[in-house]
Structures are given as C-alpha cells and as structure tokens.
PDB file of N, CA and C in Angstrom:
ATOM      1  N   MET A   1      -0.798 -22.309  20.419  1.00  0.00           N
ATOM      2  CA  MET A   1      -0.336 -21.010  20.204  1.00  0.00           C
ATOM      3  C   MET A   1      -0.035 -20.685  19.364  1.00  0.00           C
ATOM      4  N   VAL A   2      -0.698 -19.371  18.488  1.00  0.00           N
ATOM      5  CA  VAL A   2      -0.405 -18.786  17.505  1.00  0.00           C
ATOM      6  C   VAL A   2       0.321 -17.327  17.970  1.00  0.00           C
ATOM      7  N   ILE A   3       1.341 -17.120  17.454  1.00  0.00           N
ATOM      8  CA  ILE A   3       1.933 -15.759  17.754  1.00  0.00           C
ATOM      9  C   ILE A   3       1.902 -15.168  16.469  1.00  0.00           C
ATOM     10  N   SER A   4       0.930 -13.755  16.328  1.00  0.00           N
ATOM     11  CA  SER A   4       0.954 -13.308  15.044  1.00  0.00           C
ATOM     12  C   SER A   4       1.640 -11.873  15.446  1.00  0.00           C
ATOM     13  N   GLY A   5       2.172 -11.413  14.067  1.00  0.00           N
ATOM     14  CA  GLY A   5       2.936 -10.091  14.453  1.00  0.00           C
ATOM     15  C   GLY A   5       3.719  -9.639  12.743  1.00  0.00           C
ATOM     16  N   GLY A   6       3.992  -8.763  12.659  1.00  0.00           N
ATOM     17  CA  GLY A   6       4.898  -8.470  11.296  1.00  0.00           C
ATOM     18  C   GLY A   6       5.967  -8.791  11.138  1.00  0.00           C
ATOM     19  N   MET A   7       6.151  -9.687  10.000  1.00  0.00           N
ATOM     20  CA  MET A   7       7.214 -10.504   9.716  1.00  0.00           C
ATOM     21  C   MET A   7       7.859  -9.755   8.382  1.00  0.00           C
ATOM     22  N   SER A   8       7.413  -8.672   8.042  1.00  0.00           N
ATOM     23  CA  SER A   8       8.341  -8.047   7.273  1.00  0.00           C
ATOM     24  C   SER A   8       9.874  -7.687   7.046  1.00  0.00           C
ATOM     25  N   ALA A   9      10.318  -8.194   5.662  1.00  0.00           N
ATOM     26  CA  ALA A   9      11.822  -8.027   6.141  1.00  0.00           C
ATOM     27  C   ALA A   9      12.110  -6.232   5.908  1.00  0.00           C
ATOM     28  N   GLU A  10      11.163  -5.649   5.950  1.00  0.00           N
ATOM     29  CA  GLU A  10      11.323  -4.101   6.127  1.00  0.00           C
ATOM     30  C   GLU A  10      11.595  -3.798   7.724  1.00  0.00           C
ATOM     31  N   ARG A  11      12.351  -2.842   7.761  1.00  0.00           N
ATOM     32  CA  ARG A  11      12.555  -1.968   8.861  1.00  0.00           C
ATOM     33  C   ARG A  11      11.719  -1.487   9.560  1.00  0.00           C
ATOM     34  N   PHE A  12      11.417  -1.258  10.886  1.00  0.00           N
ATOM     35  CA  PHE A  12      10.176  -0.453  11.252  1.00  0.00           C
ATOM     36  C   PHE A  12      10.948   0.319  12.228  1.00  0.00           C
ATOM     37  N   GLU A  13      11.163   1.788  12.115  1.00  0.00           N
ATOM     38  CA  GLU A  13      11.696   2.761  12.901  1.00  0.00           C
ATOM     39  C   GLU A  13      11.082   3.855  13.707  1.00  0.00           C
ATOM     40  N   LEU A  14      11.164   3.925  14.879  1.00  0.00           N
ATOM     41  CA  LEU A  14      10.637   5.118  15.817  1.00  0.00           C
ATOM     42  C   LEU A  14      11.541   5.751  16.296  1.00  0.00           C
ATOM     43  N   HIS A  15      11.004   7.343  16.214  1.00  0.00           N
ATOM     44  CA  HIS A  15      11.934   8.192  16.636  1.00  0.00           C
ATOM     45  C   HIS A  15      11.795   8.411  18.454  1.00  0.00           C
ATOM     46  N   ASN A  16      13.158   8.121  18.928  1.00  0.00           N
ATOM     47  CA  ASN A  16      12.707   7.954  20.602  1.00  0.00           C
ATOM     48  C   ASN A  16      11.789   9.595  20.515  1.00  0.00           C
ATOM     49  N   PHE A  17      12.137  10.438  20.493  1.00  0.00           N
ATOM     50  CA  PHE A  17      11.041  11.627  20.486  1.00  0.00           C
ATOM     51  C   PHE A  17       9.411  11.458  20.437  1.00  0.00           C
ATOM     52  N   ASP A  18       9.165  10.604  19.354  1.00  0.00           N
ATOM     53  CA  ASP A  18       7.722  10.389  19.327  1.00  0.00           C
ATOM     54  C   ASP A  18       7.416   9.138  20.430  1.00  0.00           C
ATOM     55  N   VAL A  19       8.091   8.689  20.891  1.00  0.00           N
ATOM     56  CA  VAL A  19       7.890   7.779  22.648  1.00  0.00           C
ATOM     57  C   VAL A  19       7.778   8.745  23.632  1.00  0.00           C
ATOM     58  N   LEU A  20       8.979   9.590  23.582  1.00  0.00           N
ATOM     59  CA  LEU A  20       9.373  10.056  24.908  1.00  0.00           C
ATOM     60  C   LEU A  20       8.440  11.810  24.918  1.00  0.00           C
ATOM     61  N   LEU A  21       7.900  12.289  23.725  1.00  0.00           N
ATOM     62  CA  LEU A  21       7.276  13.307  23.783  1.00  0.00           C
ATOM     63  C   LEU A  21       5.786  13.224  23.028  1.00  0.00           C
ATOM     64  N   GLY A  22       5.615  12.085  22.237  1.00  0.00           N
ATOM     65  CA  GLY A  22       4.257  12.042  21.616  1.00  0.00           C
ATOM     66  C   GLY A  22       3.490  11.116  22.191  1.00  0.00           C
ATOM     67  N   GLY A  23       3.772  10.711  23.164  1.00  0.00           N
ATOM     68  CA  GLY A  23       2.659   9.853  24.158  1.00  0.00           C
ATOM     69  C   GLY A  23       2.653   8.193  23.822  1.00  0.00           C
ATOM     70  N   VAL A  24       3.711   7.557  22.685  1.00  0.00           N
ATOM     71  CA  VAL A  24       3.582   6.763  22.462  1.00  0.00           C
ATOM     72  C   VAL A  24       4.167   5.430  23.085  1.00  0.00           C
ATOM     73  N   ALA A  25       3.011   4.445  23.121  1.00  0.00           N
ATOM     74  CA  ALA A  25       3.478   3.396  24.212  1.00  0.00           C
ATOM     75  C   ALA A  25       3.907   2.023  23.442  1.00  0.00           C
ATOM     76  N   ILE A  26       4.902   1.213  23.427  1.00  0.00           N
ATOM     77  CA  ILE A  26       5.072   0.006  23.220  1.00  0.00           C
ATOM     78  C   ILE A  26       4.738  -1.013  24.246  1.00  0.00           C
ATOM     79  N   ARG A  27       3.818  -2.056  23.770  1.00  0.00           N
ATOM     80  CA  ARG A  27       3.580  -2.803  24.792  1.00  0.00           C
ATOM     81  C   ARG A  27       2.884  -3.952  24.057  1.00  0.00           C
ATOM     82  N   ALA A  28       3.229  -5.203  24.340  1.00  0.00           N
ATOM     83  CA  ALA A  28       2.641  -6.497  23.727  1.00  0.00           C
ATOM     84  C   ALA A  28       1.274  -6.450  24.602  1.00  0.00           C
ATOM     85  N   ASN A  29       0.640  -7.001  23.821  1.00  0.00           N
ATOM     86  CA  ASN A  29      -1.229  -7.506  24.236  1.00  0.00           C
ATOM     87  C   ASN A  29      -1.655  -8.839  24.325  1.00  0.00           C
ATOM     88  N   VAL A  30      -0.946  -9.731  23.748  1.00  0.00           N
ATOM     89  CA  VAL A  30      -1.471 -11.033  24.140  1.00  0.00           C
ATOM     90  C   VAL A  30      -0.669 -11.851  25.146  1.00  0.00           C
ATOM     91  N   TYR A  31       0.549 -11.451  25.726  1.00  0.00           N
ATOM     92  CA  TYR A  31       1.374 -11.990  26.840  1.00  0.00           C
ATOM     93  C   TYR A  31       0.498 -11.914  28.332  1.00  0.00           C
ATOM     94  N   ARG A  32      -0.455 -10.785  28.539  1.00  0.00           N
ATOM     95  CA  ARG A  32      -1.336 -10.685  29.156  1.00  0.00           C
ATOM     96  C   ARG A  32      -2.177 -11.887  29.192  1.00  0.00           C
ATOM     97  N   TYR A  33      -2.331 -12.705  28.378  1.00  0.00           N
ATOM     98  CA  TYR A  33      -3.239 -13.684  28.538  1.00  0.00           C
ATOM     99  C   TYR A  33      -2.815 -14.787  29.149  1.00  0.00           C
ATOM    100  N   PHE A  34      -1.273 -14.991  29.199  1.00  0.00           N
ATOM    101  CA  PHE A  34      -0.526 -16.218  29.877  1.00  0.00           C
ATOM    102  C   PHE A  34      -0.893 -16.000  31.325  1.00  0.00           C
ATOM    103  N   PHE A  35      -0.814 -14.762  31.968  1.00  0.00           N
ATOM    104  CA  PHE A  35      -0.948 -14.723  33.150  1.00  0.00           C
ATOM    105  C   PHE A  35      -2.129 -14.237  33.788  1.00  0.00           C
ATOM    106  N   SER A  36      -3.438 -13.743  33.264  1.00  0.00           N
ATOM    107  CA  SER A  36      -4.429 -13.529  33.811  1.00  0.00           C
ATOM    108  C   SER A  36      -5.597 -13.822  32.813  1.00  0.00           C
ATOM    109  N   PRO A  37      -6.849 -14.436  33.159  1.00  0.00           N
ATOM    110  CA  PRO A  37      -7.739 -14.494  32.193  1.00  0.00           C
ATOM    111  C   PRO A  37      -8.340 -13.460  31.548  1.00  0.00           C
ATOM    112  N   PRO A  38      -8.609 -13.542  30.128  1.00  0.00           N
ATOM    113  CA  PRO A  38      -9.070 -12.343  29.887  1.00  0.00           C
ATOM    114  C   PRO A  38     -10.255 -11.272  30.252  1.00  0.00           C
ATOM    115  N   ARG A  39     -10.292 -10.318  30.013  1.00  0.00           N
ATOM    116  CA  ARG A  39     -11.554  -9.069  30.563  1.00  0.00           C
ATOM    117  C   ARG A  39     -12.965  -9.288  30.036  1.00  0.00           C
ATOM    118  N   ASP A  40     -13.723  -9.005  30.649  1.00  0.00           N
ATOM    119  CA  ASP A  40     -14.788  -9.347  29.891  1.00  0.00           C
ATOM    120  C   ASP A  40     -14.929  -8.132  28.440  1.00  0.00           C
ATOM    121  N   GLY A  41     -14.391  -7.064  28.580  1.00  0.00           N
ATOM    122  CA  GLY A  41     -14.202  -6.371  27.094  1.00  0.00           C
ATOM    123  C   GLY A  41     -13.465  -6.872  26.441  1.00  0.00           C
ATOM    124  N   ASP A  42     -12.869  -7.977  26.359  1.00  0.00           N
ATOM    125  CA  ASP A  42     -11.879  -8.349  25.270  1.00  0.00           C
ATOM    126  C   ASP A  42     -12.740  -9.699  24.723  1.00  0.00           C
ATOM    127  N   ALA A  43     -13.934  -9.843  24.893  1.00  0.00           N
ATOM    128  CA  ALA A  43     -14.342 -10.982  24.071  1.00  0.00           C
ATOM    129  C   ALA A  43     -14.425 -10.463  22.791  1.00  0.00           C
ATOM    130  N   ALA A  44     -14.968  -9.485  22.255  1.00  0.00           N
ATOM    131  CA  ALA A  44     -15.017  -9.138  20.650  1.00  0.00           C
ATOM    132  C   ALA A  44     -13.840  -9.272  20.069  1.00  0.00           C
ATOM    133  N   VAL A  45     -12.736  -8.533  20.574  1.00  0.00           N
ATOM    134  CA  VAL A  45     -11.566  -8.593  19.911  1.00  0.00           C
ATOM    135  C   VAL A  45     -11.124  -9.705  19.905  1.00  0.00           C
ATOM    136  N   LEU A  46     -11.177 -11.021  20.875  1.00  0.00           N
ATOM    137  CA  LEU A  46     -10.688 -12.386  20.787  1.00  0.00           C
ATOM    138  C   LEU A  46     -11.501 -13.245  19.687  1.00  0.00           C
ATOM    139  N   ARG A  47     -13.076 -12.616  19.740  1.00  0.00           N
ATOM    140  CA  ARG A  47     -13.670 -13.712  18.559  1.00  0.00           C
ATOM    141  C   ARG A  47     -13.433 -13.064  17.341  1.00  0.00           C
ATOM    142  N   GLU A  48     -12.759 -12.094  17.069  1.00  0.00           N
ATOM    143  CA  GLU A  48     -12.382 -11.266  15.537  1.00  0.00           C
ATOM    144  C   GLU A  48     -11.280 -12.126  15.211  1.00  0.00           C
ATOM    145  N   ILE A  49     -10.180 -12.337  16.405  1.00  0.00           N
ATOM    146  CA  ILE A  49      -8.898 -12.842  16.016  1.00  0.00           C
ATOM    147  C   ILE A  49      -9.165 -14.306  15.925  1.00  0.00           C
ATOM    148  N   SER A  50     -10.007 -14.848  16.664  1.00  0.00           N
ATOM    149  CA  SER A  50     -10.162 -16.369  16.338  1.00  0.00           C
ATOM    150  C   SER A  50     -10.829 -16.733  15.146  1.00  0.00           C
ATOM    151  N   GLY A  51     -11.659 -15.672  14.691  1.00  0.00           N
ATOM    152  CA  GLY A  51     -12.199 -15.749  13.302  1.00  0.00           C
ATOM    153  C   GLY A  51     -11.218 -15.531  12.174  1.00  0.00           C
ATOM    154  N   MET A  52     -10.331 -14.631  12.215  1.00  0.00           N
ATOM    155  CA  MET A  52      -9.279 -14.450  11.422  1.00  0.00           C
ATOM    156  C   MET A  52      -8.757 -15.607  11.542  1.00  0.00           C
ATOM    157  N   PHE A  53      -8.122 -16.476  12.445  1.00  0.00           N
ATOM    158  CA  PHE A  53      -6.998 -17.894  12.213  1.00  0.00           C
ATOM    159  C   PHE A  53      -7.966 -19.081  11.952  1.00  0.00           C
ATOM    160  N   GLY A  54      -9.066 -18.575  12.039  1.00  0.00           N
ATOM    161  CA  GLY A  54     -10.239 -20.081  11.753  1.00  0.00           C
ATOM    162  C   GLY A  54     -10.808 -19.904  10.016  1.00  0.00           C
ATOM    163  N   HIS A  55     -10.362 -18.959   9.596  1.00  0.00           N
ATOM    164  CA  HIS A  55     -10.722 -18.877   8.078  1.00  0.00           C
ATOM    165  C   HIS A  55     -10.036 -19.712   7.277  1.00  0.00           C
ATOM    166  N   PRO A  56     -10.262 -20.201   6.642  1.00  0.00           N
ATOM    167  CA  PRO A  56      -9.581 -21.529   5.632  1.00  0.00           C
ATOM    168  C   PRO A  56      -8.367 -20.996   4.756  1.00  0.00           C
ATOM    169  N   ASP A  57      -8.487 -20.004   4.754  1.00  0.00           N
ATOM    170  CA  ASP A  57      -7.024 -19.036   3.712  1.00  0.00           C
ATOM    171  C   ASP A  57      -6.188 -18.700   4.173  1.00  0.00           C
ATOM    172  N   PHE A  58      -6.387 -18.752   5.906  1.00  0.00           N
ATOM    173  CA  PHE A  58      -5.183 -18.167   6.779  1.00  0.00           C
ATOM    174  C   PHE A  58      -4.036 -19.101   6.771  1.00  0.00           C
ATOM    175  N   HIS A  59      -3.140 -18.613   6.775  1.00  0.00           N
ATOM    176  CA  HIS A  59      -1.906 -19.858   6.515  1.00  0.00           C
ATOM    177  C   HIS A  59      -0.677 -18.943   7.273  1.00  0.00           C
ATOM    178  N   VAL A  60       0.420 -19.750   8.652  1.00  0.00           N
ATOM    179  CA  VAL A  60       1.208 -19.258   9.501  1.00  0.00           C
ATOM    180  C   VAL A  60       2.514 -19.852   8.361  1.00  0.00           C
ATOM    181  N   PRO A  61       3.644 -18.739   7.748  1.00  0.00           N
ATOM    182  CA  PRO A  61       4.645 -19.774   6.956  1.00  0.00           C
ATOM    183  C   PRO A  61       5.498 -19.636   7.941  1.00  0.00           C
ATOM    184  N   ILE A  62       6.372 -21.229   7.873  1.00  0.00           N
ATOM    185  CA  ILE A  62       7.207 -21.798   9.162  1.00  0.00           C
ATOM    186  C   ILE A  62       8.706 -21.771   8.388  1.00  0.00           C
ATOM    187  N   GLY A  63       9.521 -21.283   9.284  1.00  0.00           N
ATOM    188  CA  GLY A  63      10.645 -20.686   8.521  1.00  0.00           C
ATOM    189  C   GLY A  63      11.722 -21.992   9.353  1.00  0.00           C
ATOM    190  N   GLY A  64      11.119 -22.536  10.145  1.00  0.00           N
ATOM    191  CA  GLY A  64      12.142 -23.811  10.425  1.00  0.00           C
ATOM    192  C   GLY A  64      11.522 -24.555  11.973  1.00  0.00           C
ATOM    193  N   ILE A  65      11.913 -25.192  12.076  1.00  0.00           N
ATOM    194  CA  ILE A  65      11.419 -26.430  13.360  1.00  0.00           C
ATOM    195  C   ILE A  65      12.407 -26.609  13.927  1.00  0.00           C
ATOM    196  N   HIS A  66      13.219 -26.206  15.161  1.00  0.00           N
ATOM    197  CA  HIS A  66      14.093 -26.805  15.774  1.00  0.00           C
ATOM    198  C   HIS A  66      14.031 -27.362  17.354  1.00  0.00           C
ATOM    199  N   GLY A  67      15.295 -27.699  17.207  1.00  0.00           N
ATOM    200  CA  GLY A  67      15.159 -28.206  18.735  1.00  0.00           C
ATOM    201  C   GLY A  67      15.512 -27.267  19.751  1.00  0.00           C
ATOM    202  N   LEU A  68      15.628 -27.393  21.135  1.00  0.00           N
ATOM    203  CA  LEU A  68      15.716 -26.143  21.934  1.00  0.00           C
ATOM    204  C   LEU A  68      17.082 -26.173  21.877  1.00  0.00           C
ATOM    205  N   GLU A  69      18.152 -26.976  21.955  1.00  0.00           N
ATOM    206  CA  GLU A  69      19.536 -26.873  21.985  1.00  0.00           C
ATOM    207  C   GLU A  69      19.687 -25.953  20.328  1.00  0.00           C
ATOM    208  N   ASP A  70      19.021 -25.923  19.369  1.00  0.00           N
ATOM    209  CA  ASP A  70      19.374 -24.801  18.440  1.00  0.00           C
ATOM    210  C   ASP A  70      19.119 -23.506  18.389  1.00  0.00           C
ATOM    211  N   PHE A  71      18.600 -23.223  19.512  1.00  0.00           N
ATOM    212  CA  PHE A  71      17.900 -21.944  19.645  1.00  0.00           C
ATOM    213  C   PHE A  71      18.645 -20.857  19.099  1.00  0.00           C
ATOM    214  N   LYS A  72      20.198 -20.780  19.299  1.00  0.00           N
ATOM    215  CA  LYS A  72      20.983 -19.567  18.496  1.00  0.00           C
ATOM    216  C   LYS A  72      20.495 -19.647  17.329  1.00  0.00           C
ATOM    217  N   ARG A  73      20.748 -20.815  16.568  1.00  0.00           N
ATOM    218  CA  ARG A  73      20.540 -20.815  14.862  1.00  0.00           C
ATOM    219  C   ARG A  73      19.162 -19.968  14.707  1.00  0.00           C
ATOM    220  N   ALA A  74      17.949 -20.637  15.541  1.00  0.00           N
ATOM    221  CA  ALA A  74      16.795 -19.761  15.282  1.00  0.00           C
ATOM    222  C   ALA A  74      16.614 -18.861  15.276  1.00  0.00           C
ATOM    223  N   VAL A  75      16.863 -18.059  16.478  1.00  0.00           N
ATOM    224  CA  VAL A  75      16.904 -16.500  16.689  1.00  0.00           C
ATOM    225  C   VAL A  75      17.815 -15.876  15.525  1.00  0.00           C
ATOM    226  N   ALA A  76      18.980 -16.303  15.154  1.00  0.00           N
ATOM    227  CA  ALA A  76      19.835 -15.821  14.043  1.00  0.00           C
ATOM    228  C   ALA A  76      19.120 -15.573  12.859  1.00  0.00           C
ATOM    229  N   ASP A  77      18.464 -16.778  12.243  1.00  0.00           N
ATOM    230  CA  ASP A  77      17.526 -16.949  11.201  1.00  0.00           C
ATOM    231  C   ASP A  77      16.663 -16.504  11.054  1.00  0.00           C
ATOM    232  N   GLY A  78      15.886 -15.917  12.267  1.00  0.00           N
ATOM    233  CA  GLY A  78      14.603 -15.027  12.026  1.00  0.00           C
ATOM    234  C   GLY A  78      15.005 -13.798  12.534  1.00  0.00           C
ATOM    235  N   TRP A  79      16.250 -13.603  12.765  1.00  0.00           N
ATOM    236  CA  TRP A  79      16.845 -12.121  12.907  1.00  0.00           C
ATOM    237  C   TRP A  79      16.597 -11.426  11.432  1.00  0.00           C
ATOM    238  N   ASN A  80      17.885 -12.771  10.771  1.00  0.00           N
ATOM    239  CA  ASN A  80      18.465 -12.541   9.453  1.00  0.00           C
ATOM    240  C   ASN A  80      17.680 -12.689   8.298  1.00  0.00           C
ATOM    241  N   GLN A  81      16.454 -13.278   8.530  1.00  0.00           N
ATOM    242  CA  GLN A  81      15.594 -14.064   7.523  1.00  0.00           C
ATOM    243  C   GLN A  81      13.691 -13.844   7.970  1.00  0.00           C
ATOM    244  N   PRO A  82      13.470 -12.106   8.256  1.00  0.00           N
ATOM    245  CA  PRO A  82      12.115 -12.207   8.889  1.00  0.00           C
ATOM    246  C   PRO A  82      11.061 -12.661   8.057  1.00  0.00           C
ATOM    247  N   GLY A  83      11.338 -12.698   6.622  1.00  0.00           N
ATOM    248  CA  GLY A  83      10.219 -13.065   5.948  1.00  0.00           C
ATOM    249  C   GLY A  83       9.923 -14.258   5.431  1.00  0.00           C
ATOM    250  N   SER A  84      11.033 -15.070   6.015  1.00  0.00           N
ATOM    251  CA  SER A  84      11.054 -16.713   5.701  1.00  0.00           C
ATOM    252  C   SER A  84       9.976 -17.402   6.645  1.00  0.00           C
ATOM    253  N   GLY A  85       9.298 -16.753   7.478  1.00  0.00           N
ATOM    254  CA  GLY A  85       8.410 -17.732   8.599  1.00  0.00           C
ATOM    255  C   GLY A  85       8.477 -17.288   9.917  1.00  0.00           C
ATOM    256  N   LYS A  86       7.350 -18.203  10.606  1.00  0.00           N
ATOM    257  CA  LYS A  86       7.676 -17.730  12.228  1.00  0.00           C
ATOM    258  C   LYS A  86       8.917 -19.345  12.266  1.00  0.00           C
ATOM    259  N   ARG A  87       9.436 -19.243  13.313  1.00  0.00           N
ATOM    260  CA  ARG A  87      10.295 -20.445  14.050  1.00  0.00           C
ATOM    261  C   ARG A  87       9.771 -20.861  15.373  1.00  0.00           C
ATOM    262  N   MET A  88       9.694 -22.336  14.891  1.00  0.00           N
ATOM    263  CA  MET A  88       8.858 -23.100  15.771  1.00  0.00           C
ATOM    264  C   MET A  88       9.962 -24.208  16.827  1.00  0.00           C
ATOM    265  N   PHE A  89       9.640 -24.222  17.482  1.00  0.00           N
ATOM    266  CA  PHE A  89      10.680 -25.206  19.034  1.00  0.00           C
ATOM    267  C   PHE A  89       9.669 -26.763  19.007  1.00  0.00           C
ATOM    268  N   ALA A  90      10.677 -27.631  18.797  1.00  0.00           N
ATOM    269  CA  ALA A  90       9.784 -29.079  18.826  1.00  0.00           C
ATOM    270  C   ALA A  90      10.620 -29.085  20.449  1.00  0.00           C
ATOM    271  N   MET A  91       9.745 -29.800  21.238  1.00  0.00           N
ATOM    272  CA  MET A  91      10.108 -30.296  22.538  1.00  0.00           C
ATOM    273  C   MET A  91      10.204 -31.821  23.013  1.00  0.00           C
TER     274      MET A  91
END
C-alpha cells in the first residue's frame, strides 16, 4: 500500500466559510478502495497513479519505522516533522 499526500512542513488553512458557504468538501478518495472494488470510471485515474508510482524516479521518503507499541512517538514525529517522510509500522 502506498499512501500519497502532501508532506509539506507548511500549514494548509481553509476558512470555515469556504466549506460552509463555498460548497467545498473534504474527503478521502483512496480509502473507499479498502471497502469496495474500484468503479469502471476509476480505471483511468488508477492507471495514471500506478504509472507515477512505477516511474524509476519516484521516491517515498521514509521518516522512520516504528513498532506498533511506539505509535505515540510515530504520530508525534510525523506531526512535528511532516517534511521528514512517511512513518511506517513494522508488524
């Protein structure tokens, strides 16, 4: 599983009026594939994502590998150092 997302150290802010009055919606798109198979219309987007991840120059920085018992540190480090990379859990 690859989790892709903005790992910038800069803060992203959205005013509540943008959400309430501007019709902005915040939703996770990838998680739906954990619960149901992709729809026919999703094939092109999923091929594009697979192509990006399969490119030889694609690199996911790893900020640390933690045991499950170390989850508090993993979350804190990810929150305090978002640009250092993704946090992984070893099971």
